[in-house]
N, C-alpha and C. Protein backbone atom coordinates (compact mmCIF):
# COMPACT_ATOMS: atom_id res chain seq x y z
N MET A 1 -16.52 -16.38 2.57
CA MET A 1 -15.46 -17.36 2.41
C MET A 1 -14.67 -17.44 3.71
N ALA A 2 -14.56 -18.59 4.32
CA ALA A 2 -13.84 -18.77 5.57
C ALA A 2 -12.37 -18.46 5.38
N GLY A 3 -11.80 -17.72 6.33
CA GLY A 3 -10.39 -17.39 6.26
C GLY A 3 -10.05 -16.24 5.35
N HIS A 4 -11.04 -15.72 4.63
CA HIS A 4 -10.79 -14.60 3.71
C HIS A 4 -10.79 -13.30 4.49
N LYS A 5 -9.83 -12.44 4.20
CA LYS A 5 -9.82 -11.15 4.86
C LYS A 5 -9.37 -10.08 3.88
N GLU A 6 -9.50 -8.85 4.32
CA GLU A 6 -9.08 -7.71 3.52
C GLU A 6 -7.96 -6.98 4.24
N ALA A 7 -7.12 -6.31 3.48
CA ALA A 7 -6.05 -5.49 4.05
C ALA A 7 -5.69 -4.40 3.06
N VAL A 8 -5.30 -3.26 3.60
CA VAL A 8 -4.77 -2.17 2.79
C VAL A 8 -3.26 -2.33 2.74
N ILE A 9 -2.69 -2.10 1.57
CA ILE A 9 -1.22 -2.07 1.45
C ILE A 9 -0.83 -0.69 0.94
N ASP A 10 0.36 -0.25 1.32
CA ASP A 10 0.86 1.00 0.77
C ASP A 10 1.89 0.71 -0.32
N ALA A 11 2.37 1.76 -0.95
CA ALA A 11 3.28 1.61 -2.09
C ALA A 11 4.60 0.94 -1.71
N SER A 12 5.04 1.12 -0.46
CA SER A 12 6.30 0.50 -0.06
C SER A 12 6.22 -1.03 -0.13
N VAL A 13 5.04 -1.56 0.06
CA VAL A 13 4.84 -3.01 -0.07
C VAL A 13 4.84 -3.40 -1.55
N ALA A 14 4.10 -2.66 -2.37
CA ALA A 14 4.01 -2.98 -3.80
C ALA A 14 5.38 -2.88 -4.49
N VAL A 15 6.20 -1.94 -4.08
CA VAL A 15 7.54 -1.80 -4.69
C VAL A 15 8.32 -3.10 -4.54
N LYS A 16 8.16 -3.76 -3.42
CA LYS A 16 8.90 -4.99 -3.16
C LYS A 16 8.46 -6.14 -4.06
N TRP A 17 7.30 -6.03 -4.68
CA TRP A 17 6.87 -7.06 -5.62
C TRP A 17 7.73 -7.04 -6.89
N PHE A 18 8.38 -5.92 -7.14
CA PHE A 18 9.13 -5.73 -8.39
C PHE A 18 10.62 -5.51 -8.16
N SER A 19 11.05 -5.53 -6.90
CA SER A 19 12.44 -5.24 -6.57
C SER A 19 12.86 -6.14 -5.41
N ASP A 20 13.92 -6.91 -5.62
CA ASP A 20 14.39 -7.82 -4.59
C ASP A 20 15.15 -7.02 -3.53
N GLU A 21 14.55 -6.93 -2.35
CA GLU A 21 15.14 -6.17 -1.25
C GLU A 21 14.64 -6.76 0.06
N GLU A 22 15.02 -6.17 1.17
CA GLU A 22 14.58 -6.65 2.48
C GLU A 22 13.05 -6.74 2.52
N ASP A 23 12.55 -7.82 3.05
CA ASP A 23 11.12 -8.08 3.23
C ASP A 23 10.35 -8.33 1.92
N THR A 24 11.06 -8.55 0.82
CA THR A 24 10.38 -8.88 -0.43
C THR A 24 9.54 -10.14 -0.29
N GLU A 25 10.06 -11.15 0.41
CA GLU A 25 9.31 -12.40 0.56
C GLU A 25 8.00 -12.17 1.29
N LYS A 26 7.98 -11.33 2.31
CA LYS A 26 6.75 -11.04 3.05
C LYS A 26 5.75 -10.30 2.16
N ALA A 27 6.26 -9.37 1.36
CA ALA A 27 5.39 -8.63 0.45
C ALA A 27 4.80 -9.56 -0.60
N LEU A 28 5.63 -10.46 -1.12
CA LEU A 28 5.14 -11.42 -2.12
C LEU A 28 4.11 -12.38 -1.52
N ALA A 29 4.25 -12.72 -0.25
CA ALA A 29 3.28 -13.59 0.40
C ALA A 29 1.91 -12.90 0.46
N LEU A 30 1.89 -11.60 0.76
CA LEU A 30 0.63 -10.85 0.75
C LEU A 30 0.01 -10.86 -0.65
N ARG A 31 0.85 -10.60 -1.65
CA ARG A 31 0.36 -10.60 -3.03
C ARG A 31 -0.19 -11.96 -3.42
N ASN A 32 0.54 -13.02 -3.06
CA ASN A 32 0.11 -14.37 -3.42
C ASN A 32 -1.18 -14.76 -2.71
N ASP A 33 -1.35 -14.31 -1.47
CA ASP A 33 -2.63 -14.56 -0.78
C ASP A 33 -3.78 -13.89 -1.52
N HIS A 34 -3.52 -12.71 -2.08
CA HIS A 34 -4.53 -12.01 -2.87
C HIS A 34 -4.83 -12.80 -4.16
N ILE A 35 -3.79 -13.19 -4.85
CA ILE A 35 -3.95 -13.93 -6.10
C ILE A 35 -4.71 -15.24 -5.87
N ASP A 36 -4.41 -15.91 -4.75
CA ASP A 36 -5.04 -17.20 -4.45
C ASP A 36 -6.42 -17.06 -3.82
N GLY A 37 -6.88 -15.81 -3.61
CA GLY A 37 -8.21 -15.58 -3.08
C GLY A 37 -8.35 -15.69 -1.58
N ARG A 38 -7.24 -15.79 -0.87
CA ARG A 38 -7.30 -15.87 0.59
C ARG A 38 -7.43 -14.49 1.23
N GLN A 39 -7.13 -13.47 0.45
CA GLN A 39 -7.15 -12.11 0.97
C GLN A 39 -7.43 -11.15 -0.17
N THR A 40 -8.11 -10.06 0.13
CA THR A 40 -8.33 -9.01 -0.86
C THR A 40 -7.46 -7.83 -0.46
N LEU A 41 -6.61 -7.41 -1.37
CA LEU A 41 -5.77 -6.24 -1.13
C LEU A 41 -6.48 -5.00 -1.66
N ILE A 42 -6.36 -3.94 -0.88
CA ILE A 42 -7.04 -2.68 -1.15
C ILE A 42 -6.00 -1.57 -1.03
N ALA A 43 -6.17 -0.52 -1.82
CA ALA A 43 -5.29 0.65 -1.71
C ALA A 43 -5.99 1.85 -2.33
N PRO A 44 -5.62 3.04 -1.87
CA PRO A 44 -6.07 4.23 -2.59
C PRO A 44 -5.46 4.18 -3.99
N ASP A 45 -6.15 4.73 -4.98
CA ASP A 45 -5.60 4.68 -6.34
C ASP A 45 -4.27 5.42 -6.46
N LEU A 46 -3.92 6.19 -5.46
CA LEU A 46 -2.62 6.85 -5.38
C LEU A 46 -1.47 5.85 -5.50
N ILE A 47 -1.69 4.60 -5.13
CA ILE A 47 -0.63 3.60 -5.16
C ILE A 47 -0.04 3.44 -6.56
N VAL A 48 -0.86 3.62 -7.58
CA VAL A 48 -0.37 3.47 -8.96
C VAL A 48 0.71 4.51 -9.25
N TYR A 49 0.47 5.73 -8.83
CA TYR A 49 1.43 6.81 -9.07
C TYR A 49 2.66 6.68 -8.17
N GLU A 50 2.43 6.30 -6.92
CA GLU A 50 3.57 6.15 -6.01
C GLU A 50 4.48 5.00 -6.43
N LEU A 51 3.89 3.89 -6.86
CA LEU A 51 4.70 2.78 -7.36
C LEU A 51 5.49 3.20 -8.58
N SER A 52 4.83 3.86 -9.51
CA SER A 52 5.51 4.32 -10.74
C SER A 52 6.68 5.22 -10.41
N ASN A 53 6.47 6.15 -9.51
CA ASN A 53 7.52 7.10 -9.15
C ASN A 53 8.68 6.42 -8.43
N ALA A 54 8.35 5.52 -7.50
CA ALA A 54 9.41 4.82 -6.76
C ALA A 54 10.27 3.98 -7.70
N LEU A 55 9.64 3.28 -8.64
CA LEU A 55 10.42 2.45 -9.57
C LEU A 55 11.16 3.30 -10.59
N ARG A 56 10.61 4.44 -10.95
CA ARG A 56 11.28 5.34 -11.90
C ARG A 56 12.66 5.74 -11.38
N PHE A 57 12.78 5.91 -10.06
CA PHE A 57 14.04 6.35 -9.47
C PHE A 57 14.86 5.20 -8.89
N LYS A 58 14.41 3.96 -9.04
CA LYS A 58 15.15 2.81 -8.54
C LYS A 58 16.21 2.43 -9.57
N PRO A 59 17.46 2.31 -9.13
CA PRO A 59 18.53 1.94 -10.06
C PRO A 59 18.21 0.64 -10.80
N GLY A 60 18.50 0.65 -12.08
CA GLY A 60 18.29 -0.53 -12.90
C GLY A 60 16.94 -0.60 -13.58
N PHE A 61 16.03 0.30 -13.23
CA PHE A 61 14.71 0.32 -13.86
C PHE A 61 14.70 1.30 -15.02
N ASN A 62 14.03 0.91 -16.10
CA ASN A 62 13.86 1.81 -17.23
C ASN A 62 12.36 2.01 -17.48
N GLN A 63 12.06 2.80 -18.48
CA GLN A 63 10.66 3.15 -18.78
C GLN A 63 9.79 1.92 -19.01
N GLU A 64 10.31 0.96 -19.75
CA GLU A 64 9.54 -0.23 -20.06
C GLU A 64 9.28 -1.07 -18.81
N MET A 65 10.26 -1.16 -17.94
CA MET A 65 10.10 -1.94 -16.71
C MET A 65 9.07 -1.30 -15.79
N VAL A 66 9.07 0.02 -15.73
CA VAL A 66 8.08 0.72 -14.90
C VAL A 66 6.69 0.48 -15.46
N ALA A 67 6.54 0.62 -16.77
CA ALA A 67 5.23 0.40 -17.40
C ALA A 67 4.75 -1.03 -17.17
N ARG A 68 5.65 -2.00 -17.28
CA ARG A 68 5.28 -3.40 -17.06
C ARG A 68 4.84 -3.62 -15.62
N ALA A 69 5.53 -3.01 -14.66
CA ALA A 69 5.17 -3.15 -13.25
C ALA A 69 3.78 -2.56 -12.99
N VAL A 70 3.50 -1.41 -13.57
CA VAL A 70 2.19 -0.80 -13.39
C VAL A 70 1.11 -1.69 -13.99
N ASN A 71 1.36 -2.22 -15.18
CA ASN A 71 0.40 -3.14 -15.80
C ASN A 71 0.17 -4.38 -14.93
N ASP A 72 1.26 -4.91 -14.37
CA ASP A 72 1.14 -6.07 -13.48
C ASP A 72 0.32 -5.72 -12.24
N LEU A 73 0.54 -4.54 -11.69
CA LEU A 73 -0.23 -4.10 -10.53
C LEU A 73 -1.72 -4.02 -10.87
N LEU A 74 -2.02 -3.41 -12.00
CA LEU A 74 -3.43 -3.29 -12.41
C LEU A 74 -4.05 -4.65 -12.71
N ASP A 75 -3.25 -5.57 -13.26
CA ASP A 75 -3.75 -6.91 -13.56
C ASP A 75 -4.14 -7.69 -12.30
N LEU A 76 -3.61 -7.30 -11.15
CA LEU A 76 -3.94 -7.98 -9.90
C LEU A 76 -5.38 -7.73 -9.47
N GLN A 77 -6.00 -6.73 -10.07
CA GLN A 77 -7.39 -6.38 -9.76
C GLN A 77 -7.60 -6.15 -8.26
N MET A 78 -6.64 -5.44 -7.68
CA MET A 78 -6.82 -4.99 -6.31
C MET A 78 -7.99 -4.01 -6.29
N ASP A 79 -8.58 -3.82 -5.13
CA ASP A 79 -9.61 -2.80 -4.99
C ASP A 79 -8.91 -1.45 -4.85
N LEU A 80 -8.92 -0.66 -5.92
CA LEU A 80 -8.30 0.67 -5.90
C LEU A 80 -9.39 1.69 -5.62
N ILE A 81 -9.22 2.44 -4.55
CA ILE A 81 -10.24 3.35 -4.05
C ILE A 81 -9.93 4.78 -4.47
N SER A 82 -10.91 5.41 -5.10
CA SER A 82 -10.78 6.80 -5.52
C SER A 82 -10.96 7.73 -4.32
N PRO A 83 -10.44 8.95 -4.43
CA PRO A 83 -10.60 9.91 -3.34
C PRO A 83 -12.07 10.20 -3.06
N SER A 84 -12.36 10.44 -1.82
CA SER A 84 -13.70 10.87 -1.40
C SER A 84 -13.52 11.95 -0.34
N ARG A 85 -14.57 12.65 -0.06
CA ARG A 85 -14.49 13.68 1.00
C ARG A 85 -14.06 13.06 2.32
N GLU A 86 -14.65 11.91 2.65
CA GLU A 86 -14.34 11.25 3.92
C GLU A 86 -12.86 10.82 3.97
N LEU A 87 -12.38 10.24 2.88
CA LEU A 87 -10.99 9.77 2.85
C LEU A 87 -10.02 10.94 2.95
N ILE A 88 -10.26 12.01 2.23
CA ILE A 88 -9.35 13.16 2.27
C ILE A 88 -9.40 13.84 3.63
N SER A 89 -10.58 13.96 4.21
CA SER A 89 -10.72 14.57 5.53
C SER A 89 -9.98 13.77 6.59
N LYS A 90 -10.17 12.46 6.57
CA LYS A 90 -9.49 11.59 7.53
C LYS A 90 -7.98 11.58 7.29
N SER A 91 -7.57 11.62 6.04
CA SER A 91 -6.14 11.66 5.71
C SER A 91 -5.49 12.91 6.27
N SER A 92 -6.16 14.03 6.12
CA SER A 92 -5.63 15.29 6.63
C SER A 92 -5.51 15.24 8.16
N GLU A 93 -6.55 14.74 8.80
CA GLU A 93 -6.52 14.62 10.27
C GLU A 93 -5.33 13.77 10.72
N LEU A 94 -5.14 12.62 10.09
CA LEU A 94 -4.06 11.71 10.49
C LEU A 94 -2.68 12.26 10.14
N ALA A 95 -2.57 12.98 9.04
CA ALA A 95 -1.28 13.57 8.66
C ALA A 95 -0.79 14.52 9.74
N PHE A 96 -1.70 15.31 10.27
CA PHE A 96 -1.32 16.24 11.34
C PHE A 96 -1.09 15.49 12.66
N ARG A 97 -1.91 14.51 12.94
CA ARG A 97 -1.77 13.76 14.20
C ARG A 97 -0.43 13.04 14.27
N TYR A 98 -0.03 12.41 13.18
CA TYR A 98 1.19 11.58 13.18
C TYR A 98 2.40 12.28 12.57
N ASP A 99 2.23 13.51 12.11
CA ASP A 99 3.31 14.26 11.47
C ASP A 99 3.88 13.48 10.27
N ILE A 100 2.97 13.11 9.36
CA ILE A 100 3.34 12.37 8.16
C ILE A 100 2.71 13.06 6.96
N THR A 101 3.07 12.61 5.76
CA THR A 101 2.51 13.21 4.55
C THR A 101 1.06 12.77 4.36
N ILE A 102 0.33 13.57 3.62
CA ILE A 102 -1.03 13.19 3.24
C ILE A 102 -0.98 11.90 2.43
N TYR A 103 0.04 11.76 1.59
CA TYR A 103 0.18 10.54 0.79
C TYR A 103 0.21 9.31 1.69
N ASP A 104 1.04 9.34 2.72
CA ASP A 104 1.14 8.20 3.63
C ASP A 104 -0.12 8.04 4.46
N SER A 105 -0.68 9.15 4.90
CA SER A 105 -1.84 9.06 5.79
C SER A 105 -3.08 8.52 5.09
N CYS A 106 -3.16 8.65 3.76
CA CYS A 106 -4.37 8.17 3.08
C CYS A 106 -4.49 6.66 3.17
N TYR A 107 -3.38 5.94 3.24
CA TYR A 107 -3.44 4.48 3.39
C TYR A 107 -4.01 4.13 4.78
N ILE A 108 -3.52 4.82 5.80
CA ILE A 108 -3.99 4.56 7.16
C ILE A 108 -5.45 4.98 7.30
N ALA A 109 -5.80 6.11 6.69
CA ALA A 109 -7.18 6.57 6.74
C ALA A 109 -8.11 5.56 6.08
N LEU A 110 -7.70 5.03 4.95
CA LEU A 110 -8.53 4.04 4.26
C LEU A 110 -8.71 2.79 5.12
N GLY A 111 -7.63 2.33 5.72
CA GLY A 111 -7.74 1.18 6.61
C GLY A 111 -8.69 1.44 7.77
N GLY A 112 -8.61 2.64 8.33
CA GLY A 112 -9.50 3.00 9.43
C GLY A 112 -10.95 3.06 9.00
N ILE A 113 -11.20 3.65 7.86
CA ILE A 113 -12.57 3.75 7.34
C ILE A 113 -13.15 2.36 7.07
N MET A 114 -12.31 1.47 6.54
CA MET A 114 -12.78 0.13 6.19
C MET A 114 -12.70 -0.86 7.36
N GLY A 115 -12.00 -0.48 8.41
CA GLY A 115 -11.85 -1.37 9.56
C GLY A 115 -10.94 -2.55 9.31
N VAL A 116 -9.85 -2.32 8.54
CA VAL A 116 -8.91 -3.39 8.22
C VAL A 116 -7.48 -2.95 8.53
N GLU A 117 -6.58 -3.92 8.61
CA GLU A 117 -5.17 -3.63 8.84
C GLU A 117 -4.54 -2.97 7.62
N VAL A 118 -3.47 -2.23 7.88
CA VAL A 118 -2.72 -1.55 6.83
C VAL A 118 -1.28 -2.04 6.92
N TYR A 119 -0.75 -2.55 5.81
CA TYR A 119 0.62 -3.04 5.78
C TYR A 119 1.54 -2.04 5.10
N THR A 120 2.69 -1.82 5.74
CA THR A 120 3.72 -0.95 5.18
C THR A 120 5.08 -1.61 5.35
N ALA A 121 6.01 -1.25 4.51
CA ALA A 121 7.40 -1.65 4.67
C ALA A 121 8.25 -0.44 5.04
N ASP A 122 7.59 0.68 5.24
CA ASP A 122 8.25 1.96 5.55
C ASP A 122 8.41 2.08 7.06
N ARG A 123 9.61 1.80 7.56
CA ARG A 123 9.85 1.82 9.01
C ARG A 123 9.64 3.21 9.62
N GLN A 124 10.00 4.24 8.89
CA GLN A 124 9.82 5.59 9.41
C GLN A 124 8.33 5.92 9.56
N LEU A 125 7.54 5.56 8.58
CA LEU A 125 6.09 5.74 8.68
C LEU A 125 5.56 4.95 9.87
N TYR A 126 5.98 3.72 10.00
CA TYR A 126 5.51 2.88 11.10
C TYR A 126 5.84 3.52 12.45
N GLU A 127 7.05 4.03 12.59
CA GLU A 127 7.45 4.66 13.86
C GLU A 127 6.59 5.87 14.18
N HIS A 128 6.21 6.63 13.17
CA HIS A 128 5.38 7.81 13.38
C HIS A 128 3.93 7.45 13.72
N ALA A 129 3.43 6.40 13.13
CA ALA A 129 1.99 6.13 13.20
C ALA A 129 1.62 4.78 13.82
N ALA A 130 2.56 4.14 14.51
CA ALA A 130 2.27 2.83 15.10
C ALA A 130 1.11 2.88 16.08
N SER A 131 0.90 4.02 16.70
CA SER A 131 -0.20 4.13 17.67
C SER A 131 -1.57 4.08 16.99
N SER A 132 -1.61 4.06 15.69
CA SER A 132 -2.89 3.94 14.98
C SER A 132 -3.58 2.61 15.28
N ARG A 133 -2.83 1.63 15.73
CA ARG A 133 -3.32 0.29 16.09
C ARG A 133 -3.73 -0.54 14.89
N ILE A 134 -3.78 0.01 13.69
CA ILE A 134 -4.11 -0.82 12.52
C ILE A 134 -2.91 -0.96 11.58
N LEU A 135 -1.86 -0.16 11.81
CA LEU A 135 -0.69 -0.20 10.94
C LEU A 135 0.21 -1.36 11.33
N ARG A 136 0.61 -2.15 10.33
CA ARG A 136 1.48 -3.29 10.54
C ARG A 136 2.73 -3.15 9.68
N LEU A 137 3.88 -3.46 10.28
CA LEU A 137 5.14 -3.42 9.54
C LEU A 137 5.39 -4.82 8.98
N LEU A 138 5.76 -4.87 7.70
CA LEU A 138 6.08 -6.18 7.08
C LEU A 138 7.14 -6.89 7.89
């Protein structure tokens, strides 16, 4: 399909789909491109847990709202990637290289393995790992 591309997103992007905050419009544009078939969004399956946890602690969210957000995320039919030896090995390498968590590094590792850009809204992560050349800040 002409113009179709793939990208990895991290949980900081997905959180913005459910919470009106800085860069929400940019995050929604990525989601809408996925919904409209112009782009395929990919993430480690860890995103489901990270989104749930982030919304659980976001003021104004309750149990039902978190469950609804997770269901909405799953309904998007993003490509959710399960852990593999290669992904975990690369995540560990990048976590030490960039001094970031394994959780954060798995998104960058996945992007590197797949040869696609990785979108984040986490400025601190971006500052640590911008030299990866595939990490993009919303």
